[in-house]
Protein backbone atom coordinates (compact mmCIF):
# COMPACT_ATOMS: atom_id res chain seq x y z
CA MET A 1 -21.30 3.35 -26.00
CA LYS A 2 -18.13 2.59 -27.97
CA LYS A 3 -17.56 6.31 -28.47
CA LEU A 4 -17.81 6.90 -24.71
CA ARG A 5 -15.29 4.10 -24.09
CA ASP A 6 -12.92 5.66 -26.63
CA ILE A 7 -13.25 9.08 -24.96
CA TRP A 8 -12.59 7.54 -21.54
CA ARG A 9 -9.57 5.65 -22.88
CA SER A 10 -8.19 8.86 -24.40
CA MET A 11 -8.61 10.68 -21.07
CA ILE A 12 -6.72 7.91 -19.27
CA GLN A 13 -3.92 7.82 -21.84
CA PHE A 14 -3.46 11.59 -21.51
CA TRP A 15 -2.34 11.12 -17.89
CA ILE A 16 0.03 8.18 -18.55
CA PRO A 17 3.59 9.32 -17.71
CA ASN A 18 5.34 7.06 -20.23
CA LYS A 19 4.42 8.10 -23.76
CA GLY A 20 6.60 5.50 -25.52
CA ARG A 21 5.47 2.25 -27.07
CA LEU A 22 3.93 0.13 -24.29
CA THR A 23 3.03 -3.53 -24.13
CA GLU A 24 -0.47 -4.51 -23.02
CA GLU A 25 0.85 -5.37 -19.55
CA GLN A 26 2.72 -2.05 -19.24
CA LEU A 27 -0.31 -0.11 -20.46
CA MET A 28 -2.50 -1.85 -17.87
CA ARG A 29 -0.04 -0.97 -15.10
CA GLU A 30 0.50 2.64 -16.21
CA SER A 31 -3.21 3.35 -16.70
CA ALA A 32 -4.39 1.84 -13.38
CA TYR A 33 -3.86 4.98 -11.32
CA PRO A 34 -5.33 7.56 -13.76
CA ASN A 35 -8.29 5.24 -14.37
CA GLY A 36 -8.95 5.00 -10.62
CA ALA A 37 -8.44 8.73 -9.99
CA LEU A 38 -10.72 9.79 -12.85
CA SER A 39 -13.32 7.28 -11.66
CA LEU A 40 -13.20 8.89 -8.20
CA LEU A 41 -13.66 12.31 -9.74
CA VAL A 42 -16.73 11.18 -11.69
CA LEU A 43 -18.15 9.44 -8.61
CA MET A 44 -17.71 12.57 -6.51
CA PHE A 45 -19.50 14.62 -9.13
CA VAL A 46 -22.41 12.16 -9.28
CA THR A 47 -22.54 12.03 -5.46
CA SER A 48 -22.77 15.83 -5.17
CA LEU A 49 -25.56 15.88 -7.78
CA LEU A 50 -27.55 13.24 -5.91
CA ILE A 51 -27.24 15.10 -2.61
CA GLY A 52 -28.24 18.34 -4.35
CA VAL A 53 -31.42 16.68 -5.66
CA PHE A 54 -32.60 15.51 -2.20
CA TYR A 55 -31.28 18.31 -0.02
CA GLU A 56 -31.87 22.06 -0.23
CA TYR A 57 -28.85 24.07 0.92
CA SER A 58 -28.82 27.48 2.55
CA GLU A 59 -26.99 30.21 0.68
CA LYS A 60 -23.92 29.89 2.91
CA GLY A 61 -24.10 26.11 2.86
CA LEU A 62 -24.31 26.10 -0.94
CA THR A 63 -21.17 28.25 -1.14
CA ILE A 64 -19.29 25.89 1.17
CA VAL A 65 -20.42 22.85 -0.84
CA TYR A 66 -19.22 24.46 -4.07
CA ILE A 67 -15.83 25.26 -2.53
CA PHE A 68 -15.60 21.75 -1.07
CA ASN A 69 -16.43 19.99 -4.36
CA VAL A 70 -14.20 22.18 -6.53
CA SER A 71 -11.32 21.73 -4.10
CA LEU A 72 -11.77 17.94 -4.16
CA TYR A 73 -11.72 17.92 -7.97
CA ALA A 74 -8.62 20.12 -7.90
CA GLY A 75 -6.93 17.74 -5.45
CA ILE A 76 -7.57 14.75 -7.72
CA LEU A 77 -6.37 16.62 -10.81
CA LEU A 78 -3.26 17.75 -8.90
CA SER A 79 -2.48 14.12 -7.99
CA LEU A 80 -2.91 13.14 -11.65
CA LEU A 81 -0.55 15.92 -12.68
CA VAL A 82 2.04 14.66 -10.18
CA TRP A 83 1.59 11.13 -11.62
CA ARG A 84 1.96 12.38 -15.19
CA ILE A 85 5.13 14.32 -14.40
CA THR A 86 6.87 11.95 -11.99
CA GLY A 87 5.26 8.53 -12.54
CA ILE A 88 5.64 7.95 -8.77
CA LYS A 89 2.46 6.25 -7.55
CA TRP A 90 2.94 6.65 -3.77
CA LEU A 91 3.55 10.40 -4.17
CA SER A 92 0.43 10.84 -6.31
CA ILE A 93 -1.73 8.85 -3.87
CA ASN A 94 -0.48 10.89 -0.92
CA VAL A 95 -1.26 14.14 -2.71
CA MET A 96 -4.83 12.97 -3.32
CA LEU A 97 -5.42 11.69 0.22
CA LEU A 98 -3.85 14.80 1.74
CA SER A 99 -6.34 16.94 -0.19
CA PHE A 100 -9.22 14.75 1.10
CA VAL A 101 -8.11 15.06 4.73
CA SER A 102 -7.38 18.79 4.49
CA LEU A 103 -10.77 19.58 2.97
CA SER A 104 -12.66 17.38 5.43
CA PHE A 105 -10.83 19.04 8.30
CA GLY A 106 -11.39 22.57 7.00
CA VAL A 107 -15.06 22.18 6.12
CA SER A 108 -15.86 20.28 9.33
CA PHE A 109 -14.24 23.03 11.37
CA LEU A 110 -16.19 25.73 9.55
CA ILE A 111 -19.67 24.17 9.68
CA GLY A 112 -19.94 22.38 12.98
CA GLY A 113 -16.80 20.68 14.22
CA SER A 114 -16.72 16.89 14.64
CA GLY A 115 -20.53 16.84 14.44
CA ALA A 116 -20.58 18.23 10.91
CA PRO A 117 -21.83 15.89 8.16
CA SER A 118 -18.56 16.39 6.27
CA ALA A 119 -16.65 14.74 9.15
CA ILE A 120 -18.13 11.44 8.00
CA PHE A 121 -15.90 11.65 4.94
CA TYR A 122 -12.83 11.04 7.09
CA VAL A 123 -13.79 7.38 6.57
CA ILE A 124 -13.21 7.70 2.83
CA VAL A 125 -9.52 8.48 3.26
CA PRO A 126 -8.32 5.16 4.80
CA VAL A 127 -10.70 3.16 2.58
CA ALA A 128 -9.36 4.86 -0.54
CA GLY A 129 -5.82 4.41 0.80
CA ILE A 130 -6.29 0.65 1.23
CA ILE A 131 -7.89 0.13 -2.17
CA ILE A 132 -5.55 2.38 -4.16
CA GLY A 133 -2.26 1.95 -2.29
CA GLY A 134 -2.60 -1.12 -0.07
CA ALA A 135 -2.83 -1.88 3.65
CA LYS A 136 0.19 0.29 4.56
CA PHE A 137 -1.41 3.40 3.06
CA GLY A 138 -4.71 2.56 4.74
CA VAL A 139 -3.19 2.26 8.24
CA ILE A 140 -1.16 5.46 7.92
CA TRP A 141 -4.05 7.54 6.64
CA ALA A 142 -6.50 6.01 9.12
CA ALA A 143 -4.22 7.30 11.92
CA ILE A 144 -4.03 10.73 10.27
CA SER A 145 -7.82 10.87 9.82
CA ILE A 146 -8.48 9.91 13.47
CA ALA A 147 -6.00 12.55 14.64
CA CYS A 148 -7.70 15.21 12.50
CA LEU A 149 -11.11 14.16 13.81
CA PHE A 150 -9.96 14.56 17.44
CA ILE A 151 -8.40 17.94 16.63
CA THR A 152 -11.64 19.05 14.98
CA ALA A 153 -13.62 17.95 18.04
CA TYR A 154 -11.24 19.73 20.42
CA LEU A 155 -11.27 22.98 18.44
CA GLY A 156 -15.05 22.75 18.17
CA MET A 157 -15.32 22.72 21.96
CA THR A 158 -12.73 25.41 22.68
CA SER A 159 -13.06 27.83 19.78
CA ASP A 160 -15.80 30.34 19.11
CA SER A 161 -15.01 30.44 15.39
CA VAL A 162 -16.90 27.22 14.64
CA SER A 163 -20.22 28.21 13.09
CA GLN A 164 -23.23 25.98 12.62
CA VAL A 165 -24.57 26.75 9.14
CA ILE A 166 -27.01 23.81 9.14
CA ALA A 167 -30.34 24.61 10.73
CA PRO A 168 -31.32 22.23 13.59
CA ASP A 169 -34.42 21.05 11.74
CA ARG A 170 -32.28 20.15 8.71
CA TYR A 171 -29.45 18.48 10.61
CA GLY A 172 -30.95 14.96 10.50
CA LEU A 173 -31.53 15.19 6.76
CA ALA A 174 -28.01 16.51 6.23
CA MET A 175 -26.50 13.61 8.19
CA ALA A 176 -28.67 11.09 6.35
CA SER A 177 -27.54 12.58 3.02
CA ALA A 178 -23.91 12.45 4.11
CA PHE A 179 -24.19 8.81 5.22
CA SER A 180 -25.95 7.88 1.96
CA ALA A 181 -23.28 9.63 -0.05
CA LEU A 182 -20.56 7.87 1.97
CA ILE A 183 -22.10 4.42 1.40
CA PHE A 184 -22.53 5.12 -2.32
CA PHE A 185 -19.02 6.52 -2.61
CA VAL A 186 -17.25 3.68 -0.77
CA THR A 187 -19.29 1.07 -2.68
CA ALA A 188 -18.40 2.74 -5.97
CA ILE A 189 -14.68 2.85 -5.07
CA VAL A 190 -14.71 -0.84 -4.17
CA SER A 191 -16.59 -1.68 -7.39
CA VAL A 192 -14.14 0.26 -9.57
CA TYR A 193 -11.07 -1.38 -8.07
CA HIS A 194 -12.70 -4.80 -7.98
CA SER A 195 -13.25 -4.43 -11.72
CA LYS A 196 -9.61 -3.41 -12.19
CA MET A 197 -8.49 -6.38 -10.07
CA ILE A 198 -10.49 -8.75 -12.29
CA GLN A 199 -8.91 -7.21 -15.39
CA THR A 200 -5.45 -7.56 -13.87
CA GLN A 201 -6.09 -11.19 -12.92
CA LYS A 202 -7.31 -11.91 -16.45
CA LEU A 203 -4.21 -10.28 -17.89
CA LEU A 204 -1.98 -12.36 -15.60
CA LYS A 205 -3.88 -15.54 -16.49
CA ASP A 206 -3.54 -14.79 -20.22
CA LYS A 207 0.17 -14.13 -19.71
CA ASN A 208 0.59 -17.37 -17.76
CA ASP A 209 -1.32 -19.32 -20.44
CA GLN A 210 0.90 -17.75 -23.08
CA LEU A 211 4.08 -18.74 -21.22
CA THR A 212 2.73 -22.26 -20.67
CA HIS A 213 1.98 -22.56 -24.39
CA ILE A 214 5.47 -21.33 -25.32
CA ALA A 215 7.10 -23.83 -22.94
CA ALA A 216 5.12 -26.76 -24.37
CA HIS A 217 5.10 -25.95 -28.12
CA ASP A 218 7.57 -25.68 -30.95
CA PRO A 219 7.91 -21.98 -31.92
CA LEU A 220 8.19 -22.72 -35.67
CA THR A 221 5.37 -25.20 -36.33
CA GLN A 222 3.30 -24.44 -33.19
CA LEU A 223 3.05 -28.20 -32.65
CA PRO A 224 3.55 -29.66 -29.17
CA ASN A 225 7.24 -30.21 -28.42
CA ARG A 226 9.13 -33.19 -26.96
CA ARG A 227 8.43 -32.07 -23.39
CA TYR A 228 4.68 -31.97 -24.04
CA LEU A 229 4.89 -35.38 -25.78
CA LYS A 230 6.51 -36.96 -22.73
CA GLU A 231 3.85 -35.52 -20.38
CA ARG A 232 1.03 -36.63 -22.70
CA LEU A 233 2.41 -40.12 -23.24
CA GLU A 234 3.16 -40.74 -19.56
CA LEU A 235 -0.35 -39.59 -18.68
CA LEU A 236 -1.72 -42.02 -21.24
CA LEU A 237 0.45 -44.82 -19.90
CA ASN A 238 -0.60 -44.14 -16.31
CA ASN A 239 -4.24 -44.34 -17.26
CA ARG A 240 -5.29 -47.93 -16.63
CA ALA A 241 -8.11 -47.59 -19.14
CA SER A 242 -5.44 -47.47 -21.85
CA GLU A 243 -4.72 -51.16 -21.20
CA LYS A 244 -8.07 -51.99 -22.75
CA HIS A 245 -7.31 -50.10 -25.96
CA ARG A 246 -4.12 -50.37 -27.94
CA PHE A 247 -2.49 -47.22 -29.21
CA ALA A 248 0.40 -46.81 -31.60
CA LEU A 249 3.38 -44.49 -31.56
CA LEU A 250 4.69 -43.41 -34.98
CA LEU A 251 8.11 -41.76 -35.36
CA LEU A 252 8.56 -39.97 -38.70
CA ASP A 253 11.85 -38.78 -40.18
CA LEU A 254 11.97 -36.69 -43.36
CA ASN A 255 14.05 -37.90 -46.29
CA GLY A 256 15.72 -35.31 -48.53
CA PHE A 257 15.21 -32.44 -46.09
CA LYS A 258 18.87 -31.79 -45.24
CA PRO A 259 19.99 -31.14 -48.87
CA ILE A 260 17.13 -28.65 -49.31
CA ASN A 261 18.04 -26.93 -46.04
CA ASP A 262 21.74 -26.79 -46.98
CA ASN A 263 21.29 -25.71 -50.61
CA PHE A 264 18.34 -23.32 -50.35
CA GLY A 265 18.68 -22.00 -46.83
CA HIS A 266 16.92 -22.37 -43.50
CA GLY A 267 14.08 -20.12 -44.65
CA VAL A 268 13.01 -22.66 -47.26
CA GLY A 269 13.57 -25.49 -44.78
CA ASP A 270 11.32 -23.78 -42.24
CA ILE A 271 8.52 -23.44 -44.79
CA ILE A 272 8.76 -27.16 -45.59
CA LEU A 273 8.65 -28.07 -41.88
CA LYS A 274 5.52 -25.96 -41.40
CA HIS A 275 4.00 -27.53 -44.52
CA VAL A 276 4.66 -31.03 -43.16
CA ALA A 277 3.23 -30.06 -39.76
CA ASN A 278 0.01 -28.87 -41.42
CA ILE A 279 -0.24 -32.06 -43.47
CA LEU A 280 0.18 -34.29 -40.42
CA THR A 281 -2.32 -32.31 -38.34
CA SER A 282 -4.98 -32.29 -41.06
CA SER A 283 -4.52 -36.03 -41.77
CA LEU A 284 -5.27 -37.18 -38.22
CA ARG A 285 -8.31 -37.36 -35.98
CA GLU A 286 -8.90 -34.97 -33.07
CA VAL A 287 -8.17 -37.74 -30.56
CA ASP A 288 -4.73 -38.36 -32.08
CA PHE A 289 -1.63 -36.40 -31.12
CA VAL A 290 1.23 -35.04 -33.25
CA CYS A 291 4.37 -33.26 -32.08
CA ARG A 292 7.66 -32.04 -33.47
CA PHE A 293 10.19 -34.34 -31.83
CA GLY A 294 13.19 -32.34 -32.98
CA GLY A 295 14.93 -31.32 -36.21
CA ASP A 296 13.06 -33.05 -39.06
CA GLU A 297 11.47 -35.70 -36.83
CA PHE A 298 7.84 -35.89 -35.77
CA VAL A 299 6.02 -38.23 -33.38
CA ILE A 300 2.36 -39.21 -33.65
CA ILE A 301 0.21 -41.06 -31.12
CA VAL A 302 -2.70 -42.85 -32.80
CA GLN A 303 -5.29 -43.94 -30.27
CA ASN A 304 -7.77 -46.82 -30.28
CA VAL A 305 -6.00 -48.75 -33.05
CA LYS A 306 -8.04 -51.86 -33.86
CA SER A 307 -5.64 -53.59 -36.25
CA SER A 308 -2.32 -53.37 -38.06
CA THR A 309 -4.20 -52.88 -41.33
CA GLU A 310 -5.77 -49.70 -39.98
CA LEU A 311 -2.33 -48.41 -39.01
CA TYR A 312 -0.91 -49.25 -42.48
CA PHE A 313 -3.70 -47.19 -44.05
CA ILE A 314 -2.87 -44.22 -41.77
CA ALA A 315 0.86 -44.49 -42.56
CA ARG A 316 0.22 -44.48 -46.32
CA LYS A 317 -2.07 -41.48 -45.97
CA LEU A 318 0.64 -39.63 -44.05
CA GLY A 319 3.34 -40.62 -46.54
CA ASP A 320 1.26 -39.43 -49.52
CA GLY A 321 0.54 -36.14 -47.80
CA VAL A 322 4.15 -35.43 -46.81
CA LYS A 323 5.52 -35.98 -50.34
CA THR A 324 3.11 -33.42 -51.82
CA PRO A 325 5.35 -30.76 -53.47
CA VAL A 326 5.32 -27.23 -52.04
CA GLU A 327 6.18 -24.25 -54.24
CA ILE A 328 8.64 -21.79 -52.70
CA ARG A 329 10.03 -18.84 -54.67
CA GLU A 330 8.83 -20.26 -57.98
CA ARG A 331 10.49 -23.61 -57.32
CA LYS A 332 8.82 -26.83 -56.20
CA HIS A 333 10.33 -28.78 -53.33
CA SER A 334 9.29 -32.15 -51.96
CA VAL A 335 10.42 -34.57 -49.28
CA THR A 336 9.43 -38.10 -48.31
CA THR A 337 9.27 -39.78 -44.93
CA SER A 338 10.27 -42.98 -43.17
CA ILE A 339 8.00 -44.14 -40.36
CA GLY A 340 8.75 -46.43 -37.44
CA MET A 341 5.71 -47.89 -35.62
CA ALA A 342 5.42 -49.24 -32.09
CA PHE A 343 2.33 -50.67 -30.38
CA TYR A 344 1.39 -50.35 -26.74
CA PRO A 345 1.60 -52.66 -24.83
CA ASN A 346 3.17 -55.18 -27.26
CA ASP A 347 6.35 -53.20 -28.02
CA GLY A 348 6.76 -51.25 -24.79
CA VAL A 349 5.03 -49.96 -21.69
CA THR A 350 7.15 -46.86 -20.94
CA TYR A 351 7.91 -43.63 -22.76
CA ASP A 352 11.57 -44.50 -23.33
CA SER A 353 10.92 -48.05 -24.53
CA LEU A 354 8.25 -47.02 -27.04
CA ILE A 355 10.41 -44.21 -28.44
CA GLU A 356 13.43 -46.52 -28.69
CA VAL A 357 11.72 -49.32 -30.58
CA ALA A 358 9.91 -46.87 -32.89
CA ASP A 359 13.23 -45.15 -33.62
CA CYS A 360 14.89 -48.50 -34.50
CA ALA A 361 11.96 -49.40 -36.77
CA MET A 362 12.19 -46.01 -38.50
CA TYR A 363 15.90 -46.52 -39.28
CA ARG A 364 15.20 -49.98 -40.69
CA ALA A 365 12.52 -48.47 -42.95
CA LYS A 366 14.98 -45.75 -44.05
CA GLN A 367 17.76 -48.28 -44.82
CA GLN A 368 15.41 -50.50 -46.80
CA GLY A 369 13.83 -47.60 -48.68
CA LYS A 370 10.38 -48.40 -47.29
CA LEU A 371 7.66 -46.01 -46.15
CA PHE A 372 7.14 -47.71 -42.80
CA GLU A 373 8.35 -50.58 -40.63
CA MET A 374 6.77 -52.18 -37.58
CA ALA A 375 8.78 -52.58 -34.36
CA SER A 376 7.72 -56.23 -34.15
């Protein structure tokens, strides 16, 4: 099965007009038309086989069917060639639909006018136009198909050149086969493009999720950023259930980071920041929240804090983890941290007030050379 998928993917990529390096989104867009056109070709081939199994053609009828099928395949391949050369979707679609209409018109005229089974396939043209090109294509080609059908009917009544190659006793079976093929064909077209639509929607959703993640996370540490912190904290504050459970906000500032950054470069500084981010994340529970507040500052929300003693234990654990040396380019570097702590609702009930009092407590801890300091 995987081998068949690889072969199909290779066939699609052969018809892609842009052979340069493509992103996943560009590849999806460029391969949509060849994927749909090749699917139509395969469906037509399967349809003709199914009709051949249930219906026995006359010698003349068999010849016409061969010419009809081969011409349809040629029309699809011609549209793919136009797509590969020009990359113009509307031109390629029009080439394909023009071949459908021309063949339906020609074969219907030859084998029975508007009453020929092949006239049913005029319906395929506007349906394919809507699915492949949109409503505008569908309306235009529906008008063209109706005009061709009326012309076929008129010529069938006024011209002696229309020949009925289907025997009267086989006409009902031929019409039933044509209707069955039409239903199968239209259903298959809808299924193929529904599948492509789902893939496109998934791609757009993944892209949107990616953009949302980028907007809410720090690109270096992949931690939530200040914007995400504000949204998370305000949501927590607006939740009345939070009044029953105290939570604490911890603001951490790294000591000794600036000299390392200045003396050894931003590359070393970035490694230390990522190391600290990993330490903080691994030291906390899943219900807690850690973000990079900016520069060498981090903010942590510790939920369901039962006592100050519990918070002291968490602060010491964080401090011990942060000061763990990290070896970079055969040299060990280490930093320490100062932590300011604020409790909700004792020290503040808004985002700004909690950040402010935690920041003041952190600077007091830094000035006094302490690991942490409470806001009150």
